[in-house]
Amino acid sequence: MRPFRGTRERPEDVVRDVSGEVRLDVKAIGTTRDPHVDGLVEMTNAAFLVTATGSKYKNARAALTLARDRMTVDSLHVEDSDGQPLEVHGSLGTHEMRVGDLAIEAVARHFEVMRNALGRVTVDASLKFGGRFEAPRVTGDVRIDTGTLRADEILARTLFQPYATEQTAIADIDPVAALNPWDRLGSDVSLHVPGTLRLTGENVQISPGTPIGLGDINLRLTGDLYLYKDRAQPLSVTGSFDSIRGTYAFQGRRFDVVEASSINFRGDLNPEIYVTVSRVISGVETRVSIFGLLQQPELRLASTPALDGSDILSLIVFNAPTNLLSAPQQQQLLVRAGTLAAGFLATPILAAIENETGIDILELEPGELGTGAKVTIGEEIAPGLVARFSRQFGQEAYDEAVVEYYLSRIFRLRATFSDAQSLNARSPFRRVERAGIDLLVFFSFQGRGKHFTVLGVKSALPCSG
């Protein structure tokens, strides 16, 4: 028996902290063109950490028999950190230094497959690996035994960090990681979740940089998903979580999930959400519904008895309808509605609050070209004098105040103040200075049956702030 041990620290490694003992009793026979091996390979007391999932395994032992045209896995036993087993057996065809037909079965009970910042999951599994080594296919069933997933962490990584931004030199690529079989793998696996999976998260975001997202969730899911994939093709996920139980914190209030809620997968990893939560506030049953695609959900408010959207949001935030709010409370409600809309398609709520409060300007500009959404609140404070306050969300968030005076029909004087970190913070189509005064000239002309309006800008007093 020969011990082996190793510890590797680079994040791209497949496994780390490897230890154990290996016994080799192998001889080579045949020709250099068609060599064959014969003998035994035994492994005992092995332990390792899977870097990607964070799960540690121990007490691994294996017995492999090598014959002229086949390698047989007589037994492969691995235990997770709690001592729960994974058992593997089967064979690989070999010929002319190539690995051929694949026939391997794996059975696991209460076996841990993930323990990291994304959550912890244990499964019962019965899987078969077939096909050929260069194009394997896995079939079978996986049942979630126990599991907790952090939705906030998962969405932050999948929606906002979909790929690495730093180039990797070819010389730095780990050859073990390069053997990742995902692109060559085919799958036809059923995933069963019998109410054993919890989905949790705090201030779950679906748009980067917004202060209000989906809210805090603590849900328990039940349903079945089907994972299908052909070689060199993306993974297709179909099925649904058709039973959702638990609570959802919206605007600081705890709501209960309505039983008819569901999450439906139509083939990709951008599922359709149909989740409604309810709570009785001051004798009114308020309901918050989130529906549509995960990456662009729509928010709707409803109640019994029926109230306007602005009154429902006012009840949730202040326990009172809009007409009973003080002036500071109305301003706070506007800010809440604007920041809420930055994370959802919530235009009806904005329009309702704009009408109820008499605000002159309440606008939402959706994010584009790498920027987050922008919310603007404004009012005409005197004839011809308009003040606006805007909040730009995203990775380079900033606040901007604008005071604009209408000198005449074609001339306007605009003063701008911003706390942008850069003197040249950029929105998609204009540069944002920290401070400045501009003279704006509006004129229009008509050509070929079309009417054009042109804006000319002359900076009167640019400042560095």
Protein backbone atom coordinates (compact mmCIF):
# COMPACT_ATOMS: atom_id res chain seq x y z
CA MET A 1 0.00 0.00 0.00
CA ARG A 2 1.34 3.44 -0.89
CA PRO A 3 -0.08 6.54 0.81
CA PHE A 4 -0.81 9.65 -1.20
CA ARG A 5 -1.65 13.13 -0.05
CA GLY A 6 -2.03 16.52 -1.59
CA THR A 7 -3.49 19.95 -0.98
CA ARG A 8 -4.13 22.42 -3.79
CA GLU A 9 -5.43 25.91 -3.30
CA ARG A 10 -6.30 27.27 -6.73
CA PRO A 11 -10.06 27.89 -7.10
CA GLU A 12 -10.30 26.18 -10.48
CA ASP A 13 -9.31 22.81 -9.01
CA VAL A 14 -11.89 20.06 -9.17
CA VAL A 15 -10.87 18.42 -5.88
CA ARG A 16 -8.62 19.43 -2.99
CA ASP A 17 -7.27 18.08 0.28
CA VAL A 18 -6.83 14.61 -1.23
CA SER A 19 -5.49 11.83 0.98
CA GLY A 20 -5.59 8.01 1.17
CA GLU A 21 -3.77 4.85 0.14
CA VAL A 22 -3.53 3.11 -3.23
CA ARG A 23 -2.33 -0.44 -4.03
CA LEU A 24 -1.41 -1.29 -7.63
CA ASP A 25 -0.85 -4.80 -8.97
CA VAL A 26 -0.91 -4.23 -12.71
CA LYS A 27 0.97 -5.67 -15.68
CA ALA A 28 0.92 -4.60 -19.31
CA ILE A 29 0.56 -7.14 -22.11
CA GLY A 30 0.06 -7.08 -25.86
CA THR A 31 1.68 -4.81 -28.46
CA THR A 32 2.41 -1.09 -28.43
CA ARG A 33 -0.38 -0.64 -30.94
CA ASP A 34 -2.93 -2.62 -28.94
CA PRO A 35 -1.72 -2.75 -25.34
CA HIS A 36 -3.75 -4.33 -22.57
CA VAL A 37 -3.45 -4.24 -18.84
CA ASP A 38 -4.25 -6.92 -16.33
CA GLY A 39 -4.39 -6.75 -12.57
CA LEU A 40 -5.95 -4.96 -9.62
CA VAL A 41 -6.22 -1.40 -8.29
CA GLU A 42 -7.32 -0.90 -4.71
CA MET A 43 -7.92 2.35 -2.84
CA THR A 44 -8.59 2.68 0.88
CA ASN A 45 -9.01 5.43 3.46
CA ALA A 46 -9.37 8.13 0.79
CA ALA A 47 -10.73 11.59 1.57
CA PHE A 48 -11.18 14.71 -0.53
CA LEU A 49 -13.05 18.00 -0.88
CA VAL A 50 -15.04 18.86 -4.03
CA THR A 51 -14.19 22.51 -4.61
CA ALA A 52 -17.28 23.50 -6.60
CA THR A 53 -19.82 22.18 -4.07
CA GLY A 54 -17.89 22.52 -0.81
CA SER A 55 -18.78 18.97 0.24
CA LYS A 56 -16.18 16.82 1.99
CA TYR A 57 -16.01 13.05 1.58
CA LYS A 58 -14.24 10.38 3.60
CA ASN A 59 -13.77 6.61 4.00
CA ALA A 60 -13.62 6.21 0.24
CA ARG A 61 -12.57 2.76 -0.93
CA ALA A 62 -12.53 1.14 -4.33
CA ALA A 63 -11.63 -2.16 -5.98
CA LEU A 64 -11.04 -2.18 -9.75
CA THR A 65 -10.25 -5.23 -11.86
CA LEU A 66 -8.33 -4.65 -15.08
CA ALA A 67 -8.76 -7.21 -17.88
CA ARG A 68 -7.78 -7.33 -21.56
CA ASP A 69 -10.75 -5.36 -22.88
CA ARG A 70 -12.58 -4.10 -19.81
CA MET A 71 -12.09 -2.30 -16.53
CA THR A 72 -14.61 -3.44 -13.92
CA VAL A 73 -15.53 -1.36 -10.90
CA ASP A 74 -16.14 -4.17 -8.44
CA SER A 75 -16.98 -1.66 -5.73
CA LEU A 76 -16.66 2.04 -5.06
CA HIS A 77 -17.82 3.33 -1.68
CA VAL A 78 -17.75 6.99 -0.61
CA GLU A 79 -19.18 8.57 2.54
CA ASP A 80 -20.13 12.19 3.09
CA SER A 81 -19.16 14.11 6.23
CA ASP A 82 -22.12 12.55 8.09
CA GLY A 83 -21.18 9.01 7.07
CA GLN A 84 -23.98 8.59 4.50
CA PRO A 85 -22.90 6.36 1.57
CA LEU A 86 -22.64 6.46 -2.20
CA GLU A 87 -22.18 3.04 -3.85
CA VAL A 88 -20.94 2.65 -7.43
CA HIS A 89 -20.32 -0.42 -9.57
CA GLY A 90 -20.05 -1.21 -13.28
CA SER A 91 -17.52 -1.42 -16.06
CA LEU A 92 -15.68 0.41 -18.84
CA GLY A 93 -14.73 -1.19 -22.14
CA THR A 94 -11.09 -0.66 -23.21
CA HIS A 95 -9.36 -1.28 -26.51
CA GLU A 96 -6.24 0.16 -28.17
CA MET A 97 -5.69 2.64 -25.31
CA ARG A 98 -9.25 3.97 -25.67
CA VAL A 99 -12.07 3.86 -23.21
CA GLY A 100 -15.20 2.48 -24.85
CA ASP A 101 -18.60 1.33 -23.68
CA LEU A 102 -19.74 2.67 -20.32
CA ALA A 103 -22.06 0.80 -17.95
CA ILE A 104 -22.01 2.19 -14.40
CA GLU A 105 -24.70 2.37 -11.73
CA ALA A 106 -24.66 4.68 -8.71
CA VAL A 107 -26.96 4.54 -5.66
CA ALA A 108 -26.98 7.08 -2.84
CA ARG A 109 -29.06 7.51 0.30
CA HIS A 110 -29.20 10.77 2.28
CA PHE A 111 -25.96 11.69 0.51
CA GLU A 112 -24.69 15.28 0.66
CA VAL A 113 -24.00 16.88 -2.72
CA MET A 114 -23.58 20.54 -1.71
CA ARG A 115 -22.52 22.50 1.38
CA ASN A 116 -21.40 26.06 0.63
CA ALA A 117 -22.63 29.65 0.49
CA LEU A 118 -25.44 28.62 -1.89
CA GLY A 119 -26.94 26.18 0.62
CA ARG A 120 -26.85 22.54 1.66
CA VAL A 121 -28.52 19.64 -0.17
CA THR A 122 -28.68 15.89 0.44
CA VAL A 123 -30.24 13.45 -2.02
CA ASP A 124 -31.44 9.92 -2.60
CA ALA A 125 -30.31 8.92 -6.08
CA SER A 126 -30.42 5.98 -8.46
CA LEU A 127 -28.47 6.78 -11.63
CA LYS A 128 -27.09 4.87 -14.60
CA PHE A 129 -24.22 6.04 -16.79
CA GLY A 130 -24.22 4.53 -20.28
CA GLY A 131 -23.09 5.21 -23.81
CA ARG A 132 -19.44 5.68 -24.59
CA PHE A 133 -16.83 7.41 -22.47
CA GLU A 134 -16.41 10.28 -24.93
CA ALA A 135 -20.21 10.80 -25.01
CA PRO A 136 -21.68 9.51 -21.73
CA ARG A 137 -25.36 9.71 -20.87
CA VAL A 138 -26.86 9.68 -17.40
CA THR A 139 -30.42 8.55 -16.69
CA GLY A 140 -32.39 7.89 -13.53
CA ASP A 141 -34.03 9.59 -10.60
CA VAL A 142 -32.85 12.03 -7.93
CA ARG A 143 -34.96 12.85 -4.89
CA ILE A 144 -34.16 15.78 -2.62
CA ASP A 145 -33.81 14.27 0.84
CA THR A 146 -33.21 17.56 2.67
CA GLY A 147 -32.16 20.87 1.25
CA THR A 148 -31.89 24.59 1.83
CA LEU A 149 -30.95 26.90 -1.04
CA ARG A 150 -30.02 30.57 -0.67
CA ALA A 151 -31.98 32.24 -3.46
CA ASP A 152 -30.27 35.61 -2.91
CA GLU A 153 -26.79 34.13 -3.42
CA ILE A 154 -27.84 31.97 -6.37
CA LEU A 155 -29.51 34.83 -8.25
CA ALA A 156 -26.62 37.19 -7.51
CA ARG A 157 -24.23 34.74 -9.17
CA THR A 158 -26.38 33.54 -12.06
CA LEU A 159 -28.00 36.85 -13.05
CA PHE A 160 -25.35 39.42 -12.18
CA GLN A 161 -22.11 37.41 -12.50
CA PRO A 162 -22.80 35.03 -15.40
CA TYR A 163 -19.15 34.73 -16.43
CA ALA A 164 -15.67 35.71 -15.33
CA THR A 165 -14.49 39.13 -16.48
CA GLU A 166 -10.77 38.34 -16.28
CA GLN A 167 -8.98 36.53 -19.08
CA THR A 168 -7.19 33.31 -18.18
CA ALA A 169 -3.91 32.53 -19.86
CA ILE A 170 -3.81 29.17 -21.61
CA ALA A 171 -0.78 28.23 -19.53
CA ASP A 172 -2.79 28.74 -16.34
CA ILE A 173 -5.60 26.31 -17.22
CA ASP A 174 -5.77 23.33 -14.88
CA PRO A 175 -5.66 20.19 -17.05
CA VAL A 176 -7.95 18.36 -14.62
CA ALA A 177 -10.58 21.11 -14.82
CA ALA A 178 -10.26 21.11 -18.61
CA LEU A 179 -11.52 17.52 -18.62
CA ASN A 180 -14.91 18.68 -17.36
CA PRO A 181 -17.31 16.33 -19.20
CA TRP A 182 -20.35 18.66 -19.12
CA ASP A 183 -20.24 19.53 -22.82
CA ARG A 184 -19.97 15.85 -23.76
CA LEU A 185 -22.60 14.70 -21.28
CA GLY A 186 -26.17 13.79 -22.12
CA SER A 187 -28.82 13.48 -19.42
CA ASP A 188 -32.38 12.33 -18.90
CA VAL A 189 -32.91 12.69 -15.16
CA SER A 190 -36.04 13.23 -13.08
CA LEU A 191 -35.69 15.43 -10.00
CA HIS A 192 -38.34 14.92 -7.32
CA VAL A 193 -38.87 17.46 -4.53
CA PRO A 194 -41.47 16.13 -2.03
CA GLY A 195 -41.67 19.26 0.13
CA THR A 196 -38.11 18.75 1.38
CA LEU A 197 -36.49 21.79 -0.26
CA ARG A 198 -36.44 25.21 1.43
CA LEU A 199 -35.74 28.37 -0.54
CA THR A 200 -34.51 31.27 1.59
CA GLY A 201 -33.09 34.72 0.97
CA GLU A 202 -32.84 38.27 2.26
CA ASN A 203 -33.73 41.19 -0.03
CA VAL A 204 -33.62 38.89 -3.07
CA GLN A 205 -32.59 40.93 -6.12
CA ILE A 206 -33.60 40.43 -9.72
CA SER A 207 -32.12 43.75 -10.97
CA PRO A 208 -28.59 44.82 -9.98
CA GLY A 209 -28.15 47.67 -7.54
CA THR A 210 -31.80 48.25 -6.62
CA PRO A 211 -32.58 48.78 -2.92
CA ILE A 212 -35.86 46.85 -3.10
CA GLY A 213 -36.10 43.48 -4.82
CA LEU A 214 -38.34 40.47 -4.33
CA GLY A 215 -38.05 40.89 -0.56
CA ASP A 216 -37.21 38.29 2.09
CA ILE A 217 -38.42 34.76 1.37
CA ASN A 218 -38.71 31.55 3.36
CA LEU A 219 -40.47 29.01 1.17
CA ARG A 220 -40.87 25.25 1.04
CA LEU A 221 -41.22 23.78 -2.45
CA THR A 222 -42.91 20.63 -3.77
CA GLY A 223 -42.80 19.45 -7.37
CA ASP A 224 -40.99 17.56 -10.12
CA LEU A 225 -38.43 18.77 -12.64
CA TYR A 226 -37.03 16.96 -15.67
CA LEU A 227 -33.45 17.62 -16.74
CA TYR A 228 -32.75 16.76 -20.36
CA LYS A 229 -29.57 17.39 -22.32
CA ASP A 230 -27.94 16.11 -25.48
CA ARG A 231 -24.25 16.23 -26.19
CA ALA A 232 -22.94 19.75 -26.92
CA GLN A 233 -26.42 21.19 -26.19
CA PRO A 234 -27.65 23.36 -23.31
CA LEU A 235 -29.56 21.85 -20.42
CA SER A 236 -33.35 21.83 -20.79
CA VAL A 237 -35.40 22.04 -17.58
CA THR A 238 -39.13 21.40 -17.64
CA GLY A 239 -41.67 20.79 -14.89
CA SER A 240 -42.85 22.87 -11.97
CA PHE A 241 -42.90 23.48 -8.27
CA ASP A 242 -46.70 23.32 -8.06
CA SER A 243 -46.96 23.62 -4.28
CA ILE A 244 -45.31 26.51 -2.46
CA ARG A 245 -45.72 27.13 1.24
CA GLY A 246 -44.13 29.64 3.56
CA THR A 247 -43.76 33.36 4.16
CA TYR A 248 -42.65 36.40 2.22
CA ALA A 249 -41.62 39.75 3.70
CA PHE A 250 -42.77 42.65 1.53
CA GLN A 251 -42.02 46.24 2.55
CA GLY A 252 -41.15 45.03 6.06
CA ARG A 253 -44.41 43.06 6.51
CA ARG A 254 -44.73 39.30 6.69
CA PHE A 255 -47.19 37.75 4.21
CA ASP A 256 -48.35 34.16 3.84
CA VAL A 257 -48.02 32.44 0.46
CA VAL A 258 -51.31 31.51 -1.25
CA GLU A 259 -51.52 27.77 -1.99
CA ALA A 260 -52.21 28.23 -5.72
CA SER A 261 -48.72 29.73 -6.25
CA SER A 262 -46.26 27.95 -8.56
CA ILE A 263 -42.89 28.21 -10.31
CA ASN A 264 -42.88 26.72 -13.81
CA PHE A 265 -39.87 25.80 -15.97
CA ARG A 266 -40.43 25.86 -19.75
CA GLY A 267 -37.05 24.61 -20.94
CA ASP A 268 -34.46 27.05 -19.60
CA LEU A 269 -33.29 28.51 -16.30
CA ASN A 270 -35.57 31.54 -16.52
CA PRO A 271 -38.77 30.10 -15.01
CA GLU A 272 -42.21 31.68 -14.95
CA ILE A 273 -43.24 32.78 -11.47
CA TYR A 274 -46.84 32.87 -10.26
CA VAL A 275 -46.63 33.68 -6.57
CA THR A 276 -49.32 35.46 -4.55
CA VAL A 277 -49.08 36.32 -0.86
CA SER A 278 -51.71 37.79 1.42
CA ARG A 279 -52.10 39.56 4.76
CA VAL A 280 -54.98 41.28 6.57
CA ILE A 281 -54.13 44.89 7.45
CA SER A 282 -56.63 47.14 9.25
CA GLY A 283 -59.49 44.86 8.23
CA VAL A 284 -58.43 44.78 4.55
CA GLU A 285 -57.09 41.62 2.93
CA THR A 286 -54.11 42.80 0.90
CA ARG A 287 -52.55 40.61 -1.79
CA VAL A 288 -49.20 41.00 -3.51
CA SER A 289 -48.69 39.01 -6.73
CA ILE A 290 -45.41 38.47 -8.54
CA PHE A 291 -45.70 36.84 -11.94
CA GLY A 292 -43.89 36.57 -15.23
CA LEU A 293 -40.36 35.51 -16.11
CA LEU A 294 -37.88 35.49 -13.24
CA GLN A 295 -35.58 37.99 -14.93
CA GLN A 296 -38.41 40.47 -15.59
CA PRO A 297 -41.22 39.94 -13.09
CA GLU A 298 -44.32 42.09 -12.80
CA LEU A 299 -45.76 43.21 -9.48
CA ARG A 300 -49.49 43.68 -8.84
CA LEU A 301 -51.38 44.73 -5.72
CA ALA A 302 -54.99 43.77 -4.99
CA SER A 303 -57.30 43.78 -1.98
CA THR A 304 -60.68 42.83 -0.56
CA PRO A 305 -62.55 45.19 -0.47
CA ALA A 306 -61.08 46.53 -3.70
CA LEU A 307 -58.78 49.54 -3.26
CA ASP A 308 -56.56 51.53 -5.56
CA GLY A 309 -52.94 50.35 -5.85
CA SER A 310 -51.65 53.47 -4.09
CA ASP A 311 -53.96 52.89 -1.10
CA ILE A 312 -52.89 49.23 -0.86
CA LEU A 313 -49.20 50.17 -0.79
CA SER A 314 -49.98 52.92 1.71
CA LEU A 315 -51.77 50.40 3.94
CA ILE A 316 -48.81 48.04 3.78
CA VAL A 317 -46.27 50.74 4.60
CA PHE A 318 -48.18 53.07 6.95
CA ASN A 319 -51.36 51.20 8.03
CA ALA A 320 -53.44 54.00 6.51
CA PRO A 321 -54.83 54.98 3.08
CA THR A 322 -53.11 57.64 0.98
CA ASN A 323 -55.50 60.49 1.87
CA LEU A 324 -54.66 60.14 5.58
CA LEU A 325 -50.90 60.43 5.12
CA SER A 326 -48.93 63.49 6.15
CA ALA A 327 -46.82 65.33 3.59
CA PRO A 328 -43.56 63.61 4.71
CA GLN A 329 -45.30 60.23 4.59
CA GLN A 330 -46.53 60.91 1.05
CA GLN A 331 -42.99 61.76 0.00
CA GLN A 332 -41.71 58.58 1.60
CA LEU A 333 -44.43 56.59 -0.19
CA LEU A 334 -43.27 58.07 -3.50
CA VAL A 335 -39.70 57.02 -2.81
CA ARG A 336 -40.86 53.52 -1.84
CA ALA A 337 -42.91 53.22 -5.03
CA GLY A 338 -40.08 54.47 -7.21
CA THR A 339 -37.44 52.17 -5.76
CA LEU A 340 -39.92 49.29 -5.86
CA ALA A 341 -40.56 49.91 -9.54
CA ALA A 342 -36.81 49.88 -10.18
CA GLY A 343 -36.88 46.16 -9.51
CA PHE A 344 -40.23 45.26 -11.10
CA LEU A 345 -42.61 46.13 -13.90
CA ALA A 346 -44.89 48.15 -11.63
CA THR A 347 -46.10 51.02 -13.83
CA PRO A 348 -49.77 50.87 -12.64
CA ILE A 349 -48.64 51.44 -9.05
CA LEU A 350 -46.56 54.45 -10.08
CA ALA A 351 -49.45 55.97 -12.04
CA ALA A 352 -51.88 55.46 -9.14
CA ILE A 353 -49.58 57.09 -6.60
CA GLU A 354 -48.83 59.96 -8.97
CA ASN A 355 -52.57 60.66 -9.27
CA GLU A 356 -53.30 60.29 -5.54
CA THR A 357 -50.49 62.52 -4.30
CA GLY A 358 -50.65 65.14 -7.05
CA ILE A 359 -46.96 64.78 -7.85
CA ASP A 360 -46.07 66.29 -11.22
CA ILE A 361 -43.30 63.92 -12.24
CA LEU A 362 -42.80 60.28 -11.26
CA GLU A 363 -40.76 58.44 -13.87
CA LEU A 364 -38.91 55.14 -14.19
CA GLU A 365 -36.24 54.58 -16.82
CA PRO A 366 -35.41 50.85 -17.10
CA GLY A 367 -31.76 49.88 -17.03
CA GLU A 368 -29.90 49.32 -20.28
CA LEU A 369 -26.35 49.02 -21.62
CA GLY A 370 -25.01 47.79 -18.29
CA THR A 371 -26.74 50.40 -16.10
CA GLY A 372 -29.44 49.91 -13.49
CA ALA A 373 -32.87 51.54 -13.45
CA LYS A 374 -33.31 55.27 -12.81
CA VAL A 375 -36.15 56.74 -10.74
CA THR A 376 -37.09 60.45 -10.99
CA ILE A 377 -39.44 62.46 -8.77
CA GLY A 378 -40.20 66.07 -9.66
CA GLU A 379 -42.57 68.98 -9.15
CA GLU A 380 -43.21 72.45 -10.52
CA ILE A 381 -42.37 74.60 -7.50
CA ALA A 382 -43.21 77.89 -9.24
CA PRO A 383 -44.51 78.88 -12.69
CA GLY A 384 -41.83 77.81 -15.15
CA LEU A 385 -39.54 76.45 -12.41
CA VAL A 386 -39.27 72.64 -12.15
CA ALA A 387 -37.18 70.67 -9.65
CA ARG A 388 -36.30 67.01 -10.16
CA PHE A 389 -34.48 64.47 -8.03
CA SER A 390 -33.19 61.24 -9.60
CA ARG A 391 -31.60 58.08 -8.25
CA GLN A 392 -29.53 55.98 -10.65
CA PHE A 393 -29.21 52.37 -9.49
CA GLY A 394 -26.61 49.85 -10.58
CA GLN A 395 -22.90 49.28 -10.12
CA GLU A 396 -22.15 53.01 -10.42
CA ALA A 397 -25.12 54.38 -8.46
CA TYR A 398 -25.48 58.12 -7.95
CA ASP A 399 -28.03 60.81 -7.03
CA GLU A 400 -28.76 63.78 -9.27
CA ALA A 401 -30.72 66.99 -8.59
CA VAL A 402 -31.89 69.20 -11.47
CA VAL A 403 -33.52 72.63 -11.34
CA GLU A 404 -34.84 73.85 -14.69
CA TYR A 405 -36.29 77.27 -15.52
CA TYR A 406 -38.29 77.89 -18.70
CA LEU A 407 -37.03 81.26 -20.00
CA SER A 408 -39.21 81.07 -23.11
CA ARG A 409 -40.67 78.54 -25.49
CA ILE A 410 -37.24 77.69 -26.93
CA PHE A 411 -34.82 78.60 -24.12
CA ARG A 412 -34.34 76.81 -20.81
CA LEU A 413 -31.77 77.24 -18.06
CA ARG A 414 -30.81 74.02 -16.25
CA ALA A 415 -28.64 73.59 -13.13
CA THR A 416 -27.44 70.07 -12.32
CA PHE A 417 -25.83 68.70 -9.16
CA SER A 418 -24.68 65.10 -8.76
CA ASP A 419 -22.70 62.97 -6.28
CA ALA A 420 -21.37 60.73 -9.07
CA GLN A 421 -18.00 59.30 -8.03
CA SER A 422 -16.51 60.02 -11.42
CA LEU A 423 -16.49 63.44 -13.09
CA ASN A 424 -17.60 61.66 -16.26
CA ALA A 425 -20.15 59.18 -14.92
CA ARG A 426 -22.11 58.10 -17.94
CA SER A 427 -25.73 57.32 -18.55
CA PRO A 428 -26.47 55.46 -21.83
CA PHE A 429 -26.69 58.61 -23.99
CA ARG A 430 -25.22 61.50 -22.02
CA ARG A 431 -22.41 62.47 -19.70
CA VAL A 432 -23.19 63.33 -16.08
CA GLU A 433 -21.06 66.05 -14.47
CA ARG A 434 -20.91 66.65 -10.72
CA ALA A 435 -22.25 70.19 -11.20
CA GLY A 436 -22.99 72.59 -14.00
CA ILE A 437 -25.37 75.14 -15.51
CA ASP A 438 -26.52 74.68 -19.09
CA LEU A 439 -28.48 76.81 -21.52
CA LEU A 440 -30.81 74.55 -23.54
CA VAL A 441 -32.18 75.60 -26.93
CA PHE A 442 -35.20 73.76 -28.39
CA PHE A 443 -36.20 74.22 -32.02
CA SER A 444 -38.11 72.09 -34.50
CA PHE A 445 -38.49 71.70 -38.23
CA GLN A 446 -40.54 69.62 -40.60
CA GLY A 447 -39.16 67.65 -43.50
CA ARG A 448 -40.65 65.04 -45.85
CA GLY A 449 -43.85 64.95 -43.87
CA LYS A 450 -42.10 64.28 -40.55
CA HIS A 451 -41.69 66.58 -37.58
CA PHE A 452 -38.33 66.76 -35.76
CA THR A 453 -37.45 68.36 -32.44
CA VAL A 454 -33.79 69.23 -31.87
CA LEU A 455 -32.18 70.06 -28.54
CA GLY A 456 -29.04 72.19 -28.50
CA VAL A 457 -27.06 72.52 -25.27
CA LYS A 458 -24.59 75.22 -24.39
CA SER A 459 -22.77 74.86 -21.08
CA ALA A 460 -22.71 78.15 -19.21
CA LEU A 461 -20.85 77.08 -16.07
CA PRO A 462 -19.35 73.60 -15.89
CA CYS A 463 -17.94 72.79 -12.46
CA SER A 464 -15.77 69.99 -11.09
CA GLY A 465 -17.63 69.82 -7.78
